[in-house]
Amino acid sequence: MLPTPVNYAIYPSVVPADTVVEMIVVPCEKSFLLFPDVTYTLTLIPVNGDEDWYHDPHNHTLLTARAEDGVLRFTYTFPGEQEHVILLAREGEKPLAELSVYSLYPDLLALRPLKGDFHAHSYRSDGKRDPSALAGHFREQGYDFFALTDHNRFYPGAEIDETYAGVKMGFARVTGEEVHAPESVLHIIHVGGKASVAGRYVTDLETYEKEVADCAARVPADVPEVYRDRYARAMWTTEQIHAVGGLAIYPHPYWRPGKSRAFHAQDDFARLMLKSGMFDAYELVGGMGQEGINRSIALWAELRAEGVNIPVVGSSDVHGINKAPTFPALYTVCFAATNDNAAIIEAVRTGMSVAVEMTGTDYTCEKRCYGSLRLVGYAHFLLRRYFPQLQRICQGEGVAMRAYAMGEADAALVELQAEQAENFYLRFFGRLAPVLPDAAMREQVARWREIQKAGPGGKGSLVPGTSMQL
C-alpha cells in the first residue's frame, strides 16, 4: 500500500480524559508551516458526543489561535473517553486538515497498544521462511511482536533470539509452539511459556499416556462419551501449558485440514471446549477461510450471549508470506504495560486484546475489530491514525533486520530504525516532545514564500496574499 501523506499532525494524539492538556499542531512538510500573521480556527467535535438532531449538529467547540514559529498551540480539556475530530482552518475559510485525538481514562492510558500475531510457522516445520527472516517480514509490516508456533517444535524461536542477540530492536518475540498431542483431534496454540509442552510427548510417549489417563479420571461427568478421550487430551495439553507459564489458545475450529471436507472441530465439541474453562483465549479470526471466520464469529456471539466471555485474538497461521490471504490481514491488537513476552501474555489473559480482520484491496481496505466495545473503539482510532504511520517507519527496521541476519548490515542500522519507531510512539502518546521547525527552516520557508509571491499568478500557489489559496 502506498503511504498516505498528510500536511499536519497533532501531538499528543492520545491524551488523558477530563484533564487540561497543551496541544500542538505541527507541519509534516516544510511548505505547510503555519503563518504567524494568520488567525486559525479549531473546531473540536466529540465523536461520541450527543446530538439531538443530525440536521443541526451543534455539539462542537470552536477555538481560535495564532501560530508562532510555524506551529499552533492551544489548551483544551477533552471530555470523556472517546475520539475527537479537530478541523483546522484559516478563519472564515474551508478546513485545511482533519485531525483526531483520543482521550482515555488512566487505566487504558497507561498501556501501550501493540500489533502482533500469535500463530505463525517457519521453515523449521512446514513453513516456507527462515525463522529470523520471518521476524523481519513481520516487523516490516508494522508488527510489534509475533510468536513462532511451529508444529510440535518450541525450539525454533531460540534461533531468532540467537540471530539478533545484543541488537536493540523494537520488535519482541513471544515464545510458542503449536501442540498436536498424540491421538488428539485438536491443535492447541501454546504461547508465552518457558519450556516446550510438545517436547514431553515427543521424548516420552509412555509418560504422556499415563498422564492422559489421570486426566481422563477427572473429565466432568456431563461430557458426552464420544468426546471424553479428546477432552482428556485437551485437558492434559492446557494443564501442561499452564504449568510452564504459558497461555493456551483455542485455534481455527473451522479449518478444513488436508483433503478433508470436514471442519477441524464439530460445533458441539468446539462449544464444549470454549465453555470448559481450559483455554485462556480464542483465535477468533485465523487461517480457516472466510466461511470459517464467519462461523467462528457467530459461535463467539452465541457463547457471549450464554455468559462465556473468553478473550479473543487474531492470527495469520502464516506458512508462506507470498500472496498469503491471512498475512498481514489477520492479527491482534493488545494493550500491554510493555512490549515483552510476559506483559503481552498478561494483556491477553486479562482480556485487553482485540482480534482484527482486514478485508479488500489496498485502496478499499476495511478493518473489522472484535472485542469489548471500549477496546474496539480505541483500536479503530489507532488503526487509522497510529499503526499505518508506525508501519511506514517499521519497514526500514524489518528490511535492516533481514540484512543483518545475512551479514549485509550492521546492528547499528537496525538500532537506528528501531529508535525512530520508538520516538514516533513516544511523541504520539505525549511522552516525548515533537520536533519543531528550527530558525533555519523557518527562514528558508519564508524566503521561498516571498519568491513564490513574486511569481506568476494562477493555480499552484499556497501563499496567502497572492491570487492563489492555501
Foldseek 3Di string as FASTA:
>chain_A
DDDDDDQKAKWQQEAAAQDKDKMKIATPDLLQQFDQVFKKKKKKAFPPDDAPDVVDRDRIDIDIFGDDQRMTIDIDHHHDFGKIWIFIDTPPDHGPDIYMHGHDHDVLLLWDKFWEAEAAEDPVAQFDHQPLLVQLVCLLQQGQEYEHAEELDQPSVVVNCVLCPPFDFSHEYWGWYFYDQPPALFTKIKTLFDDGPSVVCVPPVPVLVVQLVVLLVVPDPPDDPVCSSNVSNLLSSLVVSVVRPIFIEGEQQQAQPDPRPGGSHDLVVVLCVLVVPSHQEYQLAEPRDPVSNVVSVVSVVVVVVVVRAHAYWHHYNHRYDVVRQVVPFKIKIFIFSDSYNVGRRVRRSVRRMWIWGWDDDPVPIDIDIDGDPSNRSVVVCCVVPPSSVLSVLSSQLSVQSVCSSVVNHDSVSNNVSRVVSVVSSCGNSVNDPDDHDDPVSVVVSVVVLVVVQPDDDDPDDPDPPHPYHD
